[in-house]
Amino acid sequence: MGEDARTVAGPVDVAMIPGGAAAAVEAVLMVADAPVPTAALAAVLGMTVLEVDVLLHGLAAEYTGASGNPGVRPRGFELREAGGGWRLYSAAPFADVVGRFVTEGQTARLTQAALETLAVIAYRQPVSRGQVSAVRGVSVDGVVRTLTTRGLVTEVGTDPVSGAHLYGTTGYFMERMGLTSLDELPALAPHLPEIDSLEELHGPPSVVPRPGVEEGSRGVGGASEHPVAPELEEE
């Protein structure tokens, strides 16, 4: 190796880093392309999970101006827990500014048909394409392929009676929506037909897990404040 080659020889002493543990957390989150679990941050920093959890909540309060320190201004970004970890997001008050930036030809929004199909899958998962079609009244094969390609939905198993593929939302969906649990979805379910009324079309929505898909991954139970189209734009 050359003289500039570096290896990690041991635990990092965050106390010796300018800004300490808080600055170290910020540095990691700035380069993360997905939510970072508290345990992962603790392992990198050589701290306990509890210590890092307290630190993260403190930073989140500081960024929103809720820390009680009058000398700290609210930031244009905020630290939120979503999708199984922590990540920096643009702050909600700046949604109009950010929205103007990202909609000027830099992203491709989902179509209305895709949003409607995604909503049915999110609220009624696990669900087959036939059941989604029964709700929407049109074929959704192409739309489901698009949602799958964008990483918003995935196959989670098969119906043991009909053999139809069943679909659910992904961790990426949870992240884009800023959710930690599907229970946080707005109460729109009453506006959709109950799956029980659709069983006669494709059988009950019981699941035979698809190989490689763990039981706990269905629906990503355990993605911005408002679950609207801009949150699901491609980057």
C-alpha atoms as a PDB file:
ATOM      1  CA  MET A   1       0.000   0.000   0.000  1.00  0.00           C
ATOM      2  CA  GLY A   2       1.070   3.586  -0.545  1.00  0.00           C
ATOM      3  CA  GLU A   3       1.963   6.015   2.187  1.00  0.00           C
ATOM      4  CA  ASP A   4      -1.532   7.567   2.044  1.00  0.00           C
ATOM      5  CA  ALA A   5      -3.358   4.270   2.537  1.00  0.00           C
ATOM      6  CA  ARG A   6      -5.298   4.212   5.781  1.00  0.00           C
ATOM      7  CA  THR A   7      -6.882   1.428   7.799  1.00  0.00           C
ATOM      8  CA  VAL A   8      -9.124   1.535  10.830  1.00  0.00           C
ATOM      9  CA  ALA A   9      -6.859   0.313  13.636  1.00  0.00           C
ATOM     10  CA  GLY A  10      -9.375   0.403  16.443  1.00  0.00           C
ATOM     11  CA  PRO A  11     -12.238   2.267  18.109  1.00  0.00           C
ATOM     12  CA  VAL A  12     -12.505   5.972  17.393  1.00  0.00           C
ATOM     13  CA  ASP A  13     -12.147   8.278  20.383  1.00  0.00           C
ATOM     14  CA  VAL A  14     -14.926  10.740  19.555  1.00  0.00           C
ATOM     15  CA  ALA A  15     -13.819  12.963  22.444  1.00  0.00           C
ATOM     16  CA  MET A  16     -10.699  13.795  20.424  1.00  0.00           C
ATOM     17  CA  ILE A  17     -12.684  14.838  17.337  1.00  0.00           C
ATOM     18  CA  PRO A  18     -13.518  18.548  16.923  1.00  0.00           C
ATOM     19  CA  GLY A  19     -17.127  18.907  18.014  1.00  0.00           C
ATOM     20  CA  GLY A  20     -17.110  15.553  19.765  1.00  0.00           C
ATOM     21  CA  ALA A  21     -19.752  12.850  19.383  1.00  0.00           C
ATOM     22  CA  ALA A  22     -22.419  15.245  18.117  1.00  0.00           C
ATOM     23  CA  ALA A  23     -20.243  16.380  15.217  1.00  0.00           C
ATOM     24  CA  ALA A  24     -19.305  12.773  14.478  1.00  0.00           C
ATOM     25  CA  VAL A  25     -22.971  11.797  14.240  1.00  0.00           C
ATOM     26  CA  GLU A  26     -23.640  14.712  11.895  1.00  0.00           C
ATOM     27  CA  ALA A  27     -20.735  13.685   9.678  1.00  0.00           C
ATOM     28  CA  VAL A  28     -22.025  10.127   9.362  1.00  0.00           C
ATOM     29  CA  LEU A  29     -25.607  11.213   8.685  1.00  0.00           C
ATOM     30  CA  MET A  30     -24.446  13.636   5.997  1.00  0.00           C
ATOM     31  CA  VAL A  31     -23.058  10.784   3.879  1.00  0.00           C
ATOM     32  CA  ALA A  32     -25.741   8.195   4.676  1.00  0.00           C
ATOM     33  CA  ASP A  33     -28.015   7.320   1.751  1.00  0.00           C
ATOM     34  CA  ALA A  34     -30.546   5.571   3.995  1.00  0.00           C
ATOM     35  CA  PRO A  35     -31.759   5.880   7.605  1.00  0.00           C
ATOM     36  CA  VAL A  36     -29.025   4.781  10.020  1.00  0.00           C
ATOM     37  CA  PRO A  37     -30.101   2.629  13.009  1.00  0.00           C
ATOM     38  CA  THR A  38     -29.103   3.859  16.460  1.00  0.00           C
ATOM     39  CA  ALA A  39     -27.200   0.631  17.091  1.00  0.00           C
ATOM     40  CA  ALA A  40     -25.114   1.153  13.940  1.00  0.00           C
ATOM     41  CA  LEU A  41     -24.158   4.672  15.033  1.00  0.00           C
ATOM     42  CA  ALA A  42     -23.302   3.392  18.513  1.00  0.00           C
ATOM     43  CA  ALA A  43     -20.989   0.744  17.039  1.00  0.00           C
ATOM     44  CA  VAL A  44     -19.166   3.294  14.869  1.00  0.00           C
ATOM     45  CA  LEU A  45     -18.782   5.833  17.679  1.00  0.00           C
ATOM     46  CA  GLY A  46     -17.865   3.343  20.399  1.00  0.00           C
ATOM     47  CA  MET A  47     -20.781   4.512  22.550  1.00  0.00           C
ATOM     48  CA  THR A  48     -23.769   2.768  24.108  1.00  0.00           C
ATOM     49  CA  VAL A  49     -27.091   2.710  22.289  1.00  0.00           C
ATOM     50  CA  LEU A  50     -28.642   4.729  25.122  1.00  0.00           C
ATOM     51  CA  GLU A  51     -25.963   7.431  24.879  1.00  0.00           C
ATOM     52  CA  VAL A  52     -26.435   7.734  21.121  1.00  0.00           C
ATOM     53  CA  ASP A  53     -30.224   7.765  21.467  1.00  0.00           C
ATOM     54  CA  VAL A  54     -30.019  10.681  23.905  1.00  0.00           C
ATOM     55  CA  LEU A  55     -27.590  12.450  21.572  1.00  0.00           C
ATOM     56  CA  LEU A  56     -29.854  12.001  18.540  1.00  0.00           C
ATOM     57  CA  HIS A  57     -32.914  13.369  20.325  1.00  0.00           C
ATOM     58  CA  GLY A  58     -30.846  16.303  21.536  1.00  0.00           C
ATOM     59  CA  LEU A  59     -29.686  17.105  18.000  1.00  0.00           C
ATOM     60  CA  ALA A  60     -33.253  16.776  16.687  1.00  0.00           C
ATOM     61  CA  ALA A  61     -34.424  19.323  19.280  1.00  0.00           C
ATOM     62  CA  GLU A  62     -31.499  21.632  18.520  1.00  0.00           C
ATOM     63  CA  TYR A  63     -32.221  21.677  14.777  1.00  0.00           C
ATOM     64  CA  THR A  64     -35.857  22.658  15.322  1.00  0.00           C
ATOM     65  CA  GLY A  65     -34.979  25.356  17.851  1.00  0.00           C
ATOM     66  CA  ALA A  66     -36.679  23.424  20.646  1.00  0.00           C
ATOM     67  CA  SER A  67     -33.526  22.924  22.688  1.00  0.00           C
ATOM     68  CA  GLY A  68     -34.206  26.019  24.791  1.00  0.00           C
ATOM     69  CA  ASN A  69     -30.983  27.706  23.688  1.00  0.00           C
ATOM     70  CA  PRO A  70     -31.915  31.199  22.450  1.00  0.00           C
ATOM     71  CA  GLY A  71     -28.637  31.484  20.555  1.00  0.00           C
ATOM     72  CA  VAL A  72     -29.448  28.601  18.221  1.00  0.00           C
ATOM     73  CA  ARG A  73     -31.595  29.404  15.195  1.00  0.00           C
ATOM     74  CA  PRO A  74     -33.966  26.873  13.623  1.00  0.00           C
ATOM     75  CA  ARG A  75     -32.307  25.057  10.728  1.00  0.00           C
ATOM     76  CA  GLY A  76     -33.547  24.359   7.221  1.00  0.00           C
ATOM     77  CA  PHE A  77     -33.137  20.665   7.935  1.00  0.00           C
ATOM     78  CA  GLU A  78     -34.241  18.356  10.706  1.00  0.00           C
ATOM     79  CA  LEU A  79     -33.259  15.016  12.125  1.00  0.00           C
ATOM     80  CA  ARG A  80     -36.034  12.422  12.158  1.00  0.00           C
ATOM     81  CA  GLU A  81     -36.411   8.754  12.977  1.00  0.00           C
ATOM     82  CA  ALA A  82     -38.005   6.920  10.064  1.00  0.00           C
ATOM     83  CA  GLY A  83     -37.629   3.652   8.201  1.00  0.00           C
ATOM     84  CA  GLY A  84     -35.819   1.949  11.078  1.00  0.00           C
ATOM     85  CA  GLY A  85     -33.155   4.593  11.591  1.00  0.00           C
ATOM     86  CA  TRP A  86     -32.216   8.273  11.695  1.00  0.00           C
ATOM     87  CA  ARG A  87     -31.679  10.577   8.750  1.00  0.00           C
ATOM     88  CA  LEU A  88     -31.477  14.277   7.927  1.00  0.00           C
ATOM     89  CA  TYR A  89     -34.459  15.708   6.021  1.00  0.00           C
ATOM     90  CA  SER A  90     -35.427  19.162   4.790  1.00  0.00           C
ATOM     91  CA  ALA A  91     -37.618  20.859   7.384  1.00  0.00           C
ATOM     92  CA  ALA A  92     -41.375  20.995   6.832  1.00  0.00           C
ATOM     93  CA  PRO A  93     -41.650  24.840   6.810  1.00  0.00           C
ATOM     94  CA  PHE A  94     -39.477  24.882   3.697  1.00  0.00           C
ATOM     95  CA  ALA A  95     -41.637  22.440   1.728  1.00  0.00           C
ATOM     96  CA  ASP A  96     -42.679  25.089  -0.817  1.00  0.00           C
ATOM     97  CA  VAL A  97     -39.100  26.134  -1.515  1.00  0.00           C
ATOM     98  CA  VAL A  98     -37.856  22.568  -1.782  1.00  0.00           C
ATOM     99  CA  GLY A  99     -40.893  21.588  -3.835  1.00  0.00           C
ATOM    100  CA  ARG A 100     -40.187  24.354  -6.333  1.00  0.00           C
ATOM    101  CA  PHE A 101     -36.604  23.157  -6.644  1.00  0.00           C
ATOM    102  CA  VAL A 102     -37.358  19.483  -7.164  1.00  0.00           C
ATOM    103  CA  THR A 103     -40.263  20.001  -9.556  1.00  0.00           C
ATOM    104  CA  GLU A 104     -38.357  22.094 -12.090  1.00  0.00           C
ATOM    105  CA  GLY A 105     -37.655  19.185 -14.384  1.00  0.00           C
ATOM    106  CA  GLN A 106     -35.417  17.331 -11.942  1.00  0.00           C
ATOM    107  CA  THR A 107     -37.768  14.561 -10.856  1.00  0.00           C
ATOM    108  CA  ALA A 108     -40.483  12.380 -12.325  1.00  0.00           C
ATOM    109  CA  ARG A 109     -43.687  12.239 -10.306  1.00  0.00           C
ATOM    110  CA  LEU A 110     -45.845   9.182  -9.994  1.00  0.00           C
ATOM    111  CA  THR A 111     -48.989   9.281 -12.067  1.00  0.00           C
ATOM    112  CA  GLN A 112     -52.395   9.508 -10.443  1.00  0.00           C
ATOM    113  CA  ALA A 113     -52.995   5.852 -11.317  1.00  0.00           C
ATOM    114  CA  ALA A 114     -49.736   4.857  -9.618  1.00  0.00           C
ATOM    115  CA  LEU A 115     -50.570   6.859  -6.485  1.00  0.00           C
ATOM    116  CA  GLU A 116     -54.029   5.282  -6.261  1.00  0.00           C
ATOM    117  CA  THR A 117     -52.591   1.798  -6.716  1.00  0.00           C
ATOM    118  CA  LEU A 118     -49.882   2.462  -4.132  1.00  0.00           C
ATOM    119  CA  ALA A 119     -52.518   3.648  -1.654  1.00  0.00           C
ATOM    120  CA  VAL A 120     -54.549   0.453  -2.063  1.00  0.00           C
ATOM    121  CA  ILE A 121     -51.457  -1.711  -1.557  1.00  0.00           C
ATOM    122  CA  ALA A 122     -50.321   0.306   1.467  1.00  0.00           C
ATOM    123  CA  TYR A 123     -53.658   0.050   3.249  1.00  0.00           C
ATOM    124  CA  ARG A 124     -54.645  -3.486   2.222  1.00  0.00           C
ATOM    125  CA  GLN A 125     -51.350  -5.358   2.105  1.00  0.00           C
ATOM    126  CA  PRO A 126     -50.664  -8.166   1.502  1.00  0.00           C
ATOM    127  CA  VAL A 127     -52.821  -7.907  -1.602  1.00  0.00           C
ATOM    128  CA  SER A 128     -52.812  -9.355  -5.109  1.00  0.00           C
ATOM    129  CA  ARG A 129     -52.926  -7.395  -8.353  1.00  0.00           C
ATOM    130  CA  GLY A 130     -56.386  -8.820  -8.988  1.00  0.00           C
ATOM    131  CA  GLN A 131     -57.657  -7.505  -5.667  1.00  0.00           C
ATOM    132  CA  VAL A 132     -56.164  -4.076  -6.370  1.00  0.00           C
ATOM    133  CA  SER A 133     -57.811  -4.121  -9.801  1.00  0.00           C
ATOM    134  CA  ALA A 134     -61.141  -4.936  -8.143  1.00  0.00           C
ATOM    135  CA  VAL A 135     -60.791  -1.832  -5.967  1.00  0.00           C
ATOM    136  CA  ARG A 136     -59.727   0.493  -8.796  1.00  0.00           C
ATOM    137  CA  GLY A 137     -61.905  -1.017 -11.514  1.00  0.00           C
ATOM    138  CA  VAL A 138     -59.048  -1.226 -14.036  1.00  0.00           C
ATOM    139  CA  SER A 139     -56.045  -3.443 -14.714  1.00  0.00           C
ATOM    140  CA  VAL A 140     -53.041  -2.492 -12.582  1.00  0.00           C
ATOM    141  CA  ASP A 141     -50.413  -4.887 -13.963  1.00  0.00           C
ATOM    142  CA  GLY A 142     -48.327  -2.172 -15.595  1.00  0.00           C
ATOM    143  CA  VAL A 143     -48.670   0.209 -12.654  1.00  0.00           C
ATOM    144  CA  VAL A 144     -47.573  -2.453 -10.164  1.00  0.00           C
ATOM    145  CA  ARG A 145     -44.515  -3.144 -12.330  1.00  0.00           C
ATOM    146  CA  THR A 146     -43.674   0.565 -12.214  1.00  0.00           C
ATOM    147  CA  LEU A 147     -44.062   0.706  -8.419  1.00  0.00           C
ATOM    148  CA  THR A 148     -41.905  -2.403  -8.080  1.00  0.00           C
ATOM    149  CA  THR A 149     -39.227  -0.924 -10.323  1.00  0.00           C
ATOM    150  CA  ARG A 150     -39.145   2.233  -8.220  1.00  0.00           C
ATOM    151  CA  GLY A 151     -38.707   0.161  -5.078  1.00  0.00           C
ATOM    152  CA  LEU A 152     -41.976   1.248  -3.453  1.00  0.00           C
ATOM    153  CA  VAL A 153     -43.668  -2.169  -3.427  1.00  0.00           C
ATOM    154  CA  THR A 154     -42.412  -5.736  -3.574  1.00  0.00           C
ATOM    155  CA  GLU A 155     -43.686  -9.297  -3.724  1.00  0.00           C
ATOM    156  CA  VAL A 156     -44.156 -10.608  -0.191  1.00  0.00           C
ATOM    157  CA  GLY A 157     -45.530 -14.064  -0.932  1.00  0.00           C
ATOM    158  CA  THR A 158     -48.219 -15.954  -2.799  1.00  0.00           C
ATOM    159  CA  ASP A 159     -51.853 -16.736  -2.109  1.00  0.00           C
ATOM    160  CA  PRO A 160     -52.009 -20.432  -1.119  1.00  0.00           C
ATOM    161  CA  VAL A 161     -55.371 -20.845  -2.862  1.00  0.00           C
ATOM    162  CA  SER A 162     -55.027 -18.959  -6.148  1.00  0.00           C
ATOM    163  CA  GLY A 163     -51.235 -18.861  -6.378  1.00  0.00           C
ATOM    164  CA  ALA A 164     -51.391 -15.115  -7.117  1.00  0.00           C
ATOM    165  CA  HIS A 165     -48.440 -12.974  -6.118  1.00  0.00           C
ATOM    166  CA  LEU A 166     -49.126 -10.782  -3.084  1.00  0.00           C
ATOM    167  CA  TYR A 167     -47.647  -7.310  -2.745  1.00  0.00           C
ATOM    168  CA  GLY A 168     -46.709  -5.019   0.148  1.00  0.00           C
ATOM    169  CA  THR A 169     -44.806  -1.799   0.663  1.00  0.00           C
ATOM    170  CA  THR A 170     -41.038  -1.603   1.157  1.00  0.00           C
ATOM    171  CA  GLY A 171     -38.616   0.057   3.526  1.00  0.00           C
ATOM    172  CA  TYR A 172     -37.978   2.681   0.849  1.00  0.00           C
ATOM    173  CA  PHE A 173     -41.698   3.531   0.863  1.00  0.00           C
ATOM    174  CA  MET A 174     -41.582   3.937   4.645  1.00  0.00           C
ATOM    175  CA  GLU A 175     -38.524   6.159   4.379  1.00  0.00           C
ATOM    176  CA  ARG A 176     -40.002   8.394   1.669  1.00  0.00           C
ATOM    177  CA  MET A 177     -43.209   8.803   3.653  1.00  0.00           C
ATOM    178  CA  GLY A 178     -41.335   9.485   6.893  1.00  0.00           C
ATOM    179  CA  LEU A 179     -43.030   6.599   8.703  1.00  0.00           C
ATOM    180  CA  THR A 180     -41.754   4.183  11.320  1.00  0.00           C
ATOM    181  CA  SER A 181     -44.881   2.015  11.242  1.00  0.00           C
ATOM    182  CA  LEU A 182     -47.813   1.434   8.914  1.00  0.00           C
ATOM    183  CA  ASP A 183     -50.021   2.364  11.864  1.00  0.00           C
ATOM    184  CA  GLU A 184     -48.964   5.969  11.198  1.00  0.00           C
ATOM    185  CA  LEU A 185     -50.739   6.048   7.831  1.00  0.00           C
ATOM    186  CA  PRO A 186     -53.686   8.497   7.785  1.00  0.00           C
ATOM    187  CA  ALA A 187     -57.048   6.911   8.557  1.00  0.00           C
ATOM    188  CA  LEU A 188     -58.149   6.458   4.944  1.00  0.00           C
ATOM    189  CA  ALA A 189     -58.876   2.750   5.136  1.00  0.00           C
ATOM    190  CA  PRO A 190     -62.678   3.211   5.577  1.00  0.00           C
ATOM    191  CA  HIS A 191     -62.766   4.667   2.062  1.00  0.00           C
ATOM    192  CA  LEU A 192     -61.486   1.402   0.579  1.00  0.00           C
ATOM    193  CA  PRO A 193     -63.520  -1.818   0.303  1.00  0.00           C
ATOM    194  CA  GLU A 194     -62.707  -4.399   2.921  1.00  0.00           C
ATOM    195  CA  ILE A 195     -60.523  -7.201   1.630  1.00  0.00           C
ATOM    196  CA  ASP A 196     -63.127  -9.631   2.944  1.00  0.00           C
ATOM    197  CA  SER A 197     -65.466  -8.448   0.203  1.00  0.00           C
ATOM    198  CA  LEU A 198     -62.816  -9.263  -2.390  1.00  0.00           C
ATOM    199  CA  GLU A 199     -61.964 -12.767  -1.195  1.00  0.00           C
ATOM    200  CA  GLU A 200     -64.503 -14.288  -3.527  1.00  0.00           C
ATOM    201  CA  LEU A 201     -62.377 -12.987  -6.406  1.00  0.00           C
ATOM    202  CA  HIS A 202     -58.976 -14.316  -5.369  1.00  0.00           C
ATOM    203  CA  GLY A 203     -59.350 -16.114  -2.055  1.00  0.00           C
ATOM    204  CA  PRO A 204     -58.313 -14.936   1.424  1.00  0.00           C
ATOM    205  CA  PRO A 205     -55.198 -12.788   1.709  1.00  0.00           C
ATOM    206  CA  SER A 206     -53.159 -15.346   3.629  1.00  0.00           C
ATOM    207  CA  VAL A 207     -49.517 -15.449   2.655  1.00  0.00           C
ATOM    208  CA  VAL A 208     -47.029 -18.086   1.598  1.00  0.00           C
ATOM    209  CA  PRO A 209     -43.734 -16.182   2.031  1.00  0.00           C
ATOM    210  CA  ARG A 210     -41.697 -15.729  -1.116  1.00  0.00           C
ATOM    211  CA  PRO A 211     -38.198 -17.280  -0.851  1.00  0.00           C
ATOM    212  CA  GLY A 212     -35.790 -14.667   0.482  1.00  0.00           C
ATOM    213  CA  VAL A 213     -38.515 -12.556   2.102  1.00  0.00           C
ATOM    214  CA  GLU A 214     -38.557 -12.824   5.876  1.00  0.00           C
ATOM    215  CA  GLU A 215     -41.837 -12.960   7.725  1.00  0.00           C
ATOM    216  CA  GLY A 216     -41.119  -9.690   9.520  1.00  0.00           C
ATOM    217  CA  SER A 217     -40.432  -7.819   6.287  1.00  0.00           C
ATOM    218  CA  ARG A 218     -43.984  -7.872   4.985  1.00  0.00           C
ATOM    219  CA  GLY A 219     -45.404  -4.390   5.002  1.00  0.00           C
ATOM    220  CA  VAL A 220     -42.195  -3.189   6.656  1.00  0.00           C
ATOM    221  CA  GLY A 221     -43.989  -2.913   9.983  1.00  0.00           C
ATOM    222  CA  GLY A 222     -41.109  -3.209  12.096  1.00  0.00           C
ATOM    223  CA  ALA A 223     -42.005   6.602   2.690  1.00  0.00           C
ATOM    224  CA  SER A 224     -41.984  14.497   5.160  1.00  0.00           C
ATOM    225  CA  GLU A 225     -44.838  15.126   7.219  1.00  0.00           C
ATOM    226  CA  HIS A 226     -47.503  14.840   4.553  1.00  0.00           C
ATOM    227  CA  PRO A 227     -47.946  11.661   2.482  1.00  0.00           C
ATOM    228  CA  VAL A 228     -48.462  13.368  -0.861  1.00  0.00           C
ATOM    229  CA  ALA A 229     -47.057  12.901  -4.332  1.00  0.00           C
ATOM    230  CA  PRO A 230     -43.869  15.018  -3.956  1.00  0.00           C
ATOM    231  CA  GLU A 231     -42.663  12.663  -1.230  1.00  0.00           C
ATOM    232  CA  LEU A 232     -42.640   9.830  -3.752  1.00  0.00           C
ATOM    233  CA  GLU A 233     -40.817  11.597  -6.555  1.00  0.00           C
ATOM    234  CA  GLU A 234     -37.750   9.933  -7.971  1.00  0.00           C
ATOM    235  CA  GLU A 235     -34.458  11.483  -7.084  1.00  0.00           C
END
